[in-house]
Amino acid sequence: MADLFIAGAKIAVPGGWLEGSLLIHNGRIADIVQTLEPPAGAEIISVRGMAVIPALVNGHSHLSQTFMRGLAGGRPLLRWLKELIWPLQGAMSEEVLELAALLGLAENIRCGAGTVVEHQKITRTPACTEAVVRAAKKSGLRVVVARAWSDRGNGAESAQSILDELEGFFKQSDGRVAFASGPLTPWRASSETLQRTHALARQFDSFTHIHVSETAEEVEMTFKETGMRPVAWLDSLGVLDERCQIVHAVWVDEAEIGLLAERRSPVVHCPVSNAVLGSGIAPVKAMLAKGINLRLGTDGPASNDTQDCFENMKTALMLARASSLDAAAVAPRQALEMAAASGGLEVGQPADLCLINLNSVWSSPQHDLDSALVLCARAGDVEALMVGGDWVMKDGRLTTLDEEGIVKEAQSAVKILRKKAGLDS
């Protein structure tokens, strides 16, 4: 792989910005310099003052739900799941799952996401998850497939089948496509299986990824059954640690926030989805004050209804400020760091980076680059995306996926899916 010299950039580095150039060597950032003198033999790309930031991380999605956009329809979470989402999920074939995942991954590329955590909820057979894996490999993105499971309630699986399938997938993890344990919720997972799957994930240097306290109703369900709130219950099992990703955490109280901080459990905040479903607003200001590792996720397109990481950043900032009545609750740089799961680009890192054109009527002029990115820029401003030194989008065009063909095929397939699910006669 020839060296690549990206010249004339505004580069997001830890603590601020540097105007200069990046040298990419063997898929990693070899140098970040202020001078514009390229090394001999390097390919030179001038980016004309574009912002170069770490590739964003979509910390929680359900790619199958690209076929379910616009269906929230004023329904609360549990009713929405029962009336619309579960019937559609039940009707999806492996071929449709792969197509839905390709559509979602193409959207993530357009939104500047170099890494996607996919909470893969349709697991009738291993072939369902394998369909998503095929799409992930085609995309060129880094994708973590958190294989969802439940051993309680409708569609419950046996603990042993869950463990066997997870172990098989863990053994397939590589540099681009990895796997995690994805218990759906505390109220659909038994304590013993949670403990065993979490231990297995740790054995394979992976993690647990679980919806927790998304709605007040779910908190009450766990409390009635266990006498504890969900975060405290997970802690009592020994599952709450730095390898346990808590998704949503909308209805956590002060004691639970303290536990999350003490156990160093990352929290994946999904502000747009929580707002669309009327679930509530996570106490972001309080969590940041405790030093919790906060990340951002779009959630599935059925509840968001996009995977726009830029909309997500701005919404996270706005809701935190509005709910706390504090205009300083979240700074633009904090929102950017949550979205990128990074403080900035550094020498030695994998070359996962995003080029953003800020020369638009909505982003110009720039008094402050952090504000321009978080408050002004849009997903459509993403000009290029690199993962591990490879372009997955360049000059505004996807290089790994046939975007036009995927969209056309999806529009035809969704009509058949709706009839199969009983939503259309």
Protein backbone atom coordinates (compact mmCIF):
# COMPACT_ATOMS: atom_id res chain seq x y z
CA MET A 1 0.00 0.00 0.00
CA ALA A 2 1.50 3.34 -1.07
CA ASP A 3 1.81 6.11 1.50
CA LEU A 4 -0.95 8.71 1.37
CA PHE A 5 -0.37 12.37 2.23
CA ILE A 6 -3.55 14.32 3.01
CA ALA A 7 -2.57 17.97 2.73
CA GLY A 8 -4.16 21.26 3.73
CA ALA A 9 -6.54 19.92 6.37
CA LYS A 10 -8.07 21.21 9.56
CA ILE A 11 -7.36 18.22 11.78
CA ALA A 12 -9.20 17.35 14.99
CA VAL A 13 -6.53 16.35 17.50
CA PRO A 14 -6.89 15.79 21.27
CA GLY A 15 -7.78 19.10 22.88
CA GLY A 16 -8.22 21.14 19.71
CA TRP A 17 -7.38 21.59 16.04
CA LEU A 18 -4.23 21.63 13.93
CA GLU A 19 -3.95 23.01 10.41
CA GLY A 20 -1.63 20.77 8.45
CA SER A 21 -1.34 17.34 6.90
CA LEU A 22 -1.60 13.65 7.72
CA LEU A 23 0.64 10.85 6.50
CA ILE A 24 -1.02 7.43 6.18
CA HIS A 25 1.30 4.40 6.10
CA ASN A 26 0.18 0.75 6.13
CA GLY A 27 -3.32 1.65 7.23
CA ARG A 28 -2.23 3.81 10.16
CA ILE A 29 -1.61 7.47 10.88
CA ALA A 30 2.15 7.74 10.59
CA ASP A 31 2.44 11.50 11.14
CA ILE A 32 0.45 14.66 11.70
CA VAL A 33 2.43 17.71 10.66
CA GLN A 34 1.92 21.43 10.17
CA THR A 35 4.28 21.63 7.19
CA LEU A 36 2.91 20.79 3.74
CA GLU A 37 6.03 19.02 2.44
CA PRO A 38 5.09 15.45 1.45
CA PRO A 39 7.56 12.56 1.66
CA ALA A 40 9.01 11.21 -1.58
CA GLY A 41 6.79 8.71 -3.36
CA ALA A 42 3.61 9.43 -1.40
CA GLU A 43 0.26 9.94 -3.10
CA ILE A 44 -0.82 13.51 -2.38
CA ILE A 45 -4.43 14.54 -1.83
CA SER A 46 -5.24 18.19 -1.19
CA VAL A 47 -8.43 18.57 0.82
CA ARG A 48 -8.73 22.37 0.50
CA GLY A 49 -9.17 23.17 4.17
CA MET A 50 -11.70 20.42 4.90
CA ALA A 51 -12.17 19.25 8.47
CA VAL A 52 -10.62 15.85 9.12
CA ILE A 53 -11.97 14.08 12.20
CA PRO A 54 -11.92 10.53 13.55
CA ALA A 55 -14.43 8.33 11.75
CA LEU A 56 -17.59 8.40 13.84
CA VAL A 57 -18.85 5.42 15.82
CA ASN A 58 -22.52 4.50 15.64
CA GLY A 59 -22.63 2.81 19.02
CA HIS A 60 -26.04 1.14 18.66
CA SER A 61 -28.17 0.23 15.66
CA HIS A 62 -30.55 -2.43 14.38
CA LEU A 63 -29.78 -2.66 10.66
CA SER A 64 -32.83 -4.79 9.88
CA GLN A 65 -34.94 -1.77 10.75
CA THR A 66 -33.90 0.13 7.64
CA PHE A 67 -37.01 -1.57 6.24
CA MET A 68 -39.14 -0.09 9.05
CA ARG A 69 -38.57 3.67 8.82
CA GLY A 70 -41.38 5.99 9.80
CA LEU A 71 -43.34 3.40 11.76
CA ALA A 72 -43.13 4.83 15.30
CA GLY A 73 -46.49 6.48 14.61
CA GLY A 74 -47.12 7.82 18.12
CA ARG A 75 -46.93 4.41 19.77
CA PRO A 76 -44.98 3.89 23.02
CA LEU A 77 -42.10 1.42 22.94
CA LEU A 78 -43.74 -1.87 23.95
CA ARG A 79 -46.91 -1.34 21.87
CA TRP A 80 -44.79 -0.30 18.86
CA LEU A 81 -42.74 -3.49 19.18
CA LYS A 82 -45.75 -5.79 19.44
CA GLU A 83 -47.89 -4.21 16.70
CA LEU A 84 -45.29 -3.43 14.04
CA ILE A 85 -41.66 -4.31 14.66
CA TRP A 86 -41.96 -7.91 15.80
CA PRO A 87 -44.31 -8.92 12.92
CA LEU A 88 -41.97 -7.36 10.35
CA GLN A 89 -38.89 -8.96 11.93
CA GLY A 90 -40.63 -12.33 11.87
CA ALA A 91 -41.30 -12.01 8.14
CA MET A 92 -37.72 -11.15 7.11
CA SER A 93 -35.80 -13.79 5.16
CA GLU A 94 -32.01 -14.08 5.19
CA GLU A 95 -31.90 -12.41 1.77
CA VAL A 96 -33.95 -9.44 3.00
CA LEU A 97 -31.81 -9.23 6.15
CA GLU A 98 -28.67 -8.92 4.06
CA LEU A 99 -30.26 -6.28 1.86
CA ALA A 100 -31.50 -4.31 4.87
CA ALA A 101 -28.02 -4.46 6.41
CA LEU A 102 -26.40 -3.29 3.17
CA LEU A 103 -28.81 -0.36 3.03
CA GLY A 104 -28.09 0.55 6.66
CA LEU A 105 -24.34 0.28 6.23
CA ALA A 106 -24.45 2.45 3.11
CA GLU A 107 -26.34 5.02 5.17
CA ASN A 108 -23.75 4.84 7.94
CA ILE A 109 -20.98 5.46 5.42
CA ARG A 110 -22.80 8.54 4.15
CA CYS A 111 -23.10 9.72 7.77
CA GLY A 112 -19.36 9.38 8.45
CA ALA A 113 -19.52 6.27 10.66
CA GLY A 114 -16.46 4.05 10.32
CA THR A 115 -17.63 1.70 13.09
CA VAL A 116 -21.14 0.37 13.69
CA VAL A 117 -22.33 -1.69 16.65
CA GLU A 118 -25.16 -3.75 15.19
CA HIS A 119 -27.52 -5.25 17.79
CA GLN A 120 -28.65 -8.12 15.56
CA LYS A 121 -32.12 -9.02 16.78
CA ILE A 122 -33.31 -11.55 14.18
CA THR A 123 -31.67 -14.81 15.20
CA ARG A 124 -34.01 -17.63 14.18
CA THR A 125 -31.02 -19.49 12.77
CA PRO A 126 -27.29 -18.72 12.55
CA ALA A 127 -27.93 -17.97 8.86
CA CYS A 128 -29.74 -14.78 9.89
CA THR A 129 -26.66 -13.41 11.62
CA GLU A 130 -24.43 -14.71 8.83
CA ALA A 131 -26.45 -12.63 6.35
CA VAL A 132 -25.62 -9.48 8.33
CA VAL A 133 -21.98 -10.53 8.51
CA ARG A 134 -21.82 -10.86 4.72
CA ALA A 135 -23.14 -7.32 4.37
CA ALA A 136 -20.66 -6.04 6.94
CA LYS A 137 -17.73 -7.57 5.06
CA LYS A 138 -18.87 -6.05 1.78
CA SER A 139 -19.13 -2.58 3.32
CA GLY A 140 -15.50 -2.29 4.44
CA LEU A 141 -16.61 -0.78 7.76
CA ARG A 142 -15.69 -1.99 11.21
CA VAL A 143 -18.84 -3.74 12.43
CA VAL A 144 -19.45 -5.35 15.79
CA VAL A 145 -22.37 -7.78 15.55
CA ALA A 146 -23.92 -8.06 19.01
CA ARG A 147 -25.91 -11.25 18.59
CA ALA A 148 -29.18 -10.58 20.42
CA TRP A 149 -30.71 -13.20 22.67
CA SER A 150 -33.42 -13.81 25.24
CA ASP A 151 -34.02 -16.91 27.32
CA ARG A 152 -37.31 -15.63 28.77
CA GLY A 153 -40.63 -14.66 27.19
CA ASN A 154 -41.78 -15.09 23.60
CA GLY A 155 -39.20 -16.72 21.36
CA ALA A 156 -37.00 -17.72 24.28
CA GLU A 157 -33.91 -19.80 23.47
CA SER A 158 -32.17 -22.33 25.66
CA ALA A 159 -29.10 -21.09 27.50
CA GLN A 160 -26.90 -23.72 25.88
CA SER A 161 -27.95 -22.85 22.33
CA ILE A 162 -27.21 -19.18 23.04
CA LEU A 163 -23.78 -19.98 24.45
CA ASP A 164 -22.89 -22.37 21.63
CA GLU A 165 -23.86 -19.90 18.92
CA LEU A 166 -22.06 -17.01 20.62
CA GLU A 167 -18.88 -19.03 21.00
CA GLY A 168 -18.97 -19.99 17.33
CA PHE A 169 -19.29 -16.36 16.30
CA PHE A 170 -16.64 -15.14 18.76
CA LYS A 171 -14.15 -17.47 17.08
CA GLN A 172 -14.82 -15.74 13.73
CA SER A 173 -13.94 -12.22 14.91
CA ASP A 174 -11.32 -10.39 12.86
CA GLY A 175 -10.06 -6.84 12.38
CA ARG A 176 -13.17 -5.57 10.59
CA VAL A 177 -16.06 -7.77 11.77
CA ALA A 178 -16.25 -8.72 15.42
CA PHE A 179 -18.96 -10.11 17.72
CA ALA A 180 -20.48 -9.37 21.11
CA SER A 181 -23.18 -10.78 23.38
CA GLY A 182 -26.45 -8.88 22.95
CA PRO A 183 -29.02 -9.76 25.64
CA LEU A 184 -32.14 -7.83 24.73
CA THR A 185 -33.19 -6.45 28.12
CA PRO A 186 -32.93 -7.40 31.79
CA TRP A 187 -36.56 -8.54 31.84
CA ARG A 188 -35.97 -11.00 28.99
CA ALA A 189 -32.73 -12.50 30.31
CA SER A 190 -32.18 -14.87 33.24
CA SER A 191 -29.50 -14.07 35.77
CA GLU A 192 -27.56 -17.30 35.12
CA THR A 193 -27.45 -16.89 31.34
CA LEU A 194 -26.42 -13.24 31.68
CA GLN A 195 -23.53 -14.31 33.89
CA ARG A 196 -22.45 -17.14 31.62
CA THR A 197 -22.65 -15.15 28.38
CA HIS A 198 -20.80 -12.21 29.93
CA ALA A 199 -18.02 -14.50 31.13
CA LEU A 200 -17.81 -15.98 27.63
CA ALA A 201 -17.60 -12.52 26.07
CA ARG A 202 -14.76 -11.56 28.42
CA GLN A 203 -12.98 -14.82 27.57
CA PHE A 204 -12.92 -13.74 23.91
CA ASP A 205 -11.96 -10.13 24.71
CA SER A 206 -15.44 -8.95 23.79
CA PHE A 207 -18.34 -7.37 25.69
CA THR A 208 -22.03 -7.45 26.58
CA HIS A 209 -24.34 -4.95 24.85
CA ILE A 210 -27.79 -4.61 26.45
CA HIS A 211 -30.83 -2.27 26.43
CA VAL A 212 -31.30 -0.98 29.98
CA SER A 213 -33.86 1.43 31.48
CA GLU A 214 -35.10 2.74 28.16
CA THR A 215 -38.58 3.37 29.59
CA ALA A 216 -40.02 3.89 33.06
CA GLU A 217 -42.28 0.87 32.49
CA GLU A 218 -39.27 -1.43 32.01
CA VAL A 219 -37.64 -0.19 35.19
CA GLU A 220 -40.83 -0.96 37.10
CA MET A 221 -40.98 -4.47 35.61
CA THR A 222 -37.48 -5.31 36.84
CA PHE A 223 -38.09 -3.74 40.24
CA LYS A 224 -41.28 -5.71 40.82
CA GLU A 225 -39.56 -8.98 39.98
CA THR A 226 -36.17 -8.50 41.67
CA GLY A 227 -36.65 -5.72 44.22
CA MET A 228 -33.87 -3.82 42.46
CA ARG A 229 -33.60 -1.30 39.67
CA PRO A 230 -32.02 -2.69 36.46
CA VAL A 231 -28.48 -1.29 36.86
CA ALA A 232 -28.33 -2.41 40.50
CA TRP A 233 -29.60 -5.86 39.48
CA LEU A 234 -26.90 -6.23 36.81
CA ASP A 235 -24.33 -5.19 39.40
CA SER A 236 -25.60 -7.80 41.86
CA LEU A 237 -24.90 -10.45 39.20
CA GLY A 238 -21.32 -9.29 38.70
CA VAL A 239 -22.12 -8.35 35.10
CA LEU A 240 -21.77 -4.58 35.43
CA ASP A 241 -18.18 -3.77 34.51
CA GLU A 242 -16.07 -2.08 31.82
CA ARG A 243 -17.11 -4.81 29.35
CA CYS A 244 -20.84 -4.20 29.82
CA GLN A 245 -22.28 -1.57 27.47
CA ILE A 246 -25.50 -0.06 28.79
CA VAL A 247 -27.72 1.16 25.95
CA HIS A 248 -30.19 4.02 26.62
CA ALA A 249 -30.00 4.51 30.43
CA VAL A 250 -32.84 7.03 30.21
CA TRP A 251 -34.40 6.19 33.58
CA VAL A 252 -31.35 5.69 35.79
CA ASP A 253 -31.34 7.33 39.22
CA GLU A 254 -28.49 8.95 41.13
CA ALA A 255 -27.41 5.70 42.80
CA GLU A 256 -27.33 3.86 39.47
CA ILE A 257 -25.28 6.66 37.90
CA GLY A 258 -22.82 6.21 40.74
CA LEU A 259 -22.66 2.45 40.08
CA LEU A 260 -22.10 2.96 36.35
CA ALA A 261 -19.23 5.31 37.12
CA GLU A 262 -17.71 3.05 39.75
CA ARG A 263 -17.86 -0.03 37.53
CA ARG A 264 -16.65 1.96 34.47
CA SER A 265 -19.51 0.68 32.32
CA PRO A 266 -19.88 2.58 29.02
CA VAL A 267 -23.30 4.09 28.32
CA VAL A 268 -24.59 4.37 24.75
CA HIS A 269 -26.91 7.37 24.55
CA CYS A 270 -29.58 7.32 21.79
CA PRO A 271 -31.11 10.82 22.02
CA VAL A 272 -33.09 10.95 18.77
CA SER A 273 -34.67 7.52 19.17
CA ASN A 274 -35.59 8.19 22.81
CA ALA A 275 -37.24 11.46 21.78
CA VAL A 276 -39.15 9.97 18.82
CA LEU A 277 -40.62 7.22 21.00
CA GLY A 278 -41.33 9.62 23.87
CA SER A 279 -39.22 7.46 26.19
CA GLY A 280 -37.53 10.38 27.93
CA ILE A 281 -34.17 12.15 28.11
CA ALA A 282 -31.14 10.47 29.60
CA PRO A 283 -29.44 12.41 32.45
CA VAL A 284 -26.36 13.19 30.36
CA LYS A 285 -25.15 16.11 32.45
CA ALA A 286 -25.16 14.00 35.61
CA MET A 287 -23.42 11.10 33.88
CA LEU A 288 -20.69 13.32 32.46
CA ALA A 289 -20.17 14.88 35.89
CA LYS A 290 -19.44 11.39 37.23
CA GLY A 291 -16.96 10.67 34.43
CA ILE A 292 -19.05 7.97 32.73
CA ASN A 293 -17.79 6.94 29.29
CA LEU A 294 -20.66 8.19 27.13
CA ARG A 295 -21.02 7.22 23.48
CA LEU A 296 -23.72 7.93 20.93
CA GLY A 297 -25.91 5.54 18.98
CA THR A 298 -28.67 6.22 16.49
CA ASP A 299 -30.70 3.12 17.45
CA GLY A 300 -32.59 1.40 14.65
CA PRO A 301 -34.15 3.38 11.79
CA ALA A 302 -37.61 2.21 12.90
CA SER A 303 -37.44 4.58 15.85
CA ASN A 304 -34.96 7.26 14.80
CA ASP A 305 -35.80 7.20 11.74
CA THR A 306 -32.33 7.64 10.24
CA GLN A 307 -28.79 6.80 11.23
CA ASP A 308 -27.60 10.40 10.91
CA CYS A 309 -24.68 10.74 13.33
CA PHE A 310 -24.60 14.52 12.85
CA GLU A 311 -28.25 14.91 13.83
CA ASN A 312 -27.48 12.65 16.80
CA MET A 313 -24.60 14.85 18.00
CA LYS A 314 -26.63 18.04 17.86
CA THR A 315 -29.68 16.43 19.49
CA ALA A 316 -27.57 15.01 22.33
CA LEU A 317 -26.20 18.48 23.03
CA MET A 318 -29.59 20.20 22.80
CA LEU A 319 -31.52 17.74 24.96
CA ALA A 320 -28.84 17.74 27.66
CA ARG A 321 -28.96 21.52 27.82
CA ALA A 322 -32.75 21.76 27.67
CA SER A 323 -33.42 19.07 30.28
CA SER A 324 -30.90 20.53 32.75
CA LEU A 325 -31.68 24.19 31.98
CA ASP A 326 -27.95 24.63 31.56
CA ALA A 327 -26.50 26.02 28.31
CA ALA A 328 -23.10 24.66 29.31
CA ALA A 329 -24.27 21.11 30.07
CA VAL A 330 -22.57 19.67 26.97
CA ALA A 331 -19.99 21.53 24.88
CA PRO A 332 -19.72 20.89 21.13
CA ARG A 333 -16.35 19.21 21.62
CA GLN A 334 -17.86 16.82 24.16
CA ALA A 335 -20.59 15.86 21.70
CA LEU A 336 -18.00 15.25 18.99
CA GLU A 337 -15.93 13.07 21.33
CA MET A 338 -19.01 11.04 22.28
CA ALA A 339 -19.85 10.52 18.60
CA ALA A 340 -16.29 9.52 17.68
CA ALA A 341 -15.50 7.60 20.90
CA SER A 342 -12.22 9.48 20.63
CA GLY A 343 -10.55 12.69 21.73
CA GLY A 344 -9.06 13.22 18.28
CA LEU A 345 -6.67 11.84 15.67
CA GLU A 346 -3.25 10.73 16.91
CA VAL A 347 -0.10 9.22 15.43
CA GLY A 348 -0.15 5.42 15.60
CA GLN A 349 -3.92 5.03 15.38
CA PRO A 350 -5.60 3.07 12.60
CA ALA A 351 -6.39 5.47 9.77
CA ASP A 352 -10.13 5.66 10.42
CA LEU A 353 -11.03 9.19 9.46
CA CYS A 354 -13.75 11.32 7.98
CA LEU A 355 -13.39 14.35 5.65
CA ILE A 356 -16.07 17.01 6.03
CA ASN A 357 -16.69 20.01 3.78
CA LEU A 358 -17.53 23.02 5.93
CA ASN A 359 -17.62 25.46 2.99
CA SER A 360 -21.42 25.54 2.90
CA VAL A 361 -24.01 28.22 3.50
CA TRP A 362 -24.99 26.55 6.81
CA SER A 363 -21.44 26.10 8.14
CA SER A 364 -19.77 29.32 6.97
CA PRO A 365 -18.07 31.34 8.29
CA GLN A 366 -16.52 29.37 11.13
CA HIS A 367 -15.81 31.11 14.41
CA ASP A 368 -15.27 27.77 16.13
CA LEU A 369 -14.67 24.45 14.36
CA ASP A 370 -16.24 22.31 17.09
CA SER A 371 -19.46 24.33 16.85
CA ALA A 372 -19.35 24.27 13.05
CA LEU A 373 -19.20 20.48 13.08
CA VAL A 374 -21.73 19.74 15.80
CA LEU A 375 -24.24 22.58 15.39
CA CYS A 376 -23.99 23.39 11.69
CA ALA A 377 -22.66 20.50 9.61
CA ARG A 378 -24.89 17.80 8.13
CA ALA A 379 -24.38 14.22 7.04
CA GLY A 380 -24.44 15.45 3.44
CA ASP A 381 -21.24 17.39 4.13
CA VAL A 382 -19.24 14.15 4.50
CA GLU A 383 -16.99 14.04 1.44
CA ALA A 384 -14.95 10.95 2.23
CA LEU A 385 -14.56 8.17 4.77
CA MET A 386 -11.49 6.02 5.35
CA VAL A 387 -11.28 2.84 7.43
CA GLY A 388 -7.90 1.30 8.11
CA GLY A 389 -6.35 3.32 5.30
CA ASP A 390 -8.96 2.18 2.75
CA TRP A 391 -11.49 4.57 1.23
CA VAL A 392 -15.08 3.38 1.68
CA MET A 393 -16.30 6.72 0.32
CA LYS A 394 -14.27 9.18 -1.72
CA ASP A 395 -15.29 12.42 -3.44
CA GLY A 396 -18.86 11.86 -2.27
CA ARG A 397 -19.19 8.38 -3.84
CA LEU A 398 -19.29 5.03 -2.07
CA THR A 399 -16.46 2.78 -3.21
CA THR A 400 -17.47 -0.53 -1.62
CA LEU A 401 -21.23 -0.70 -2.19
CA ASP A 402 -23.60 -0.14 -5.11
CA GLU A 403 -25.71 2.52 -3.43
CA GLU A 404 -28.16 3.04 -6.28
CA GLY A 405 -28.73 -0.69 -6.79
CA ILE A 406 -29.28 -1.31 -3.05
CA VAL A 407 -31.88 1.46 -2.81
CA LYS A 408 -33.77 0.21 -5.87
CA GLU A 409 -33.82 -3.38 -4.64
CA ALA A 410 -34.93 -2.32 -1.14
CA GLN A 411 -37.88 -0.34 -2.50
CA SER A 412 -39.17 -3.44 -4.26
CA ALA A 413 -38.49 -5.85 -1.40
CA VAL A 414 -40.31 -3.84 1.29
CA LYS A 415 -43.65 -4.17 -0.54
CA ILE A 416 -43.39 -7.96 -0.40
CA LEU A 417 -42.29 -7.82 3.24
CA ARG A 418 -45.31 -5.77 4.34
CA LYS A 419 -47.71 -8.29 2.78
CA LYS A 420 -45.86 -11.20 4.35
CA ALA A 421 -46.06 -9.53 7.78
CA GLY A 422 -49.81 -8.96 7.40
CA LEU A 423 -49.56 -5.16 7.33
CA ASP A 424 -50.97 -4.91 3.79
CA SER A 425 -53.68 -7.04 2.22
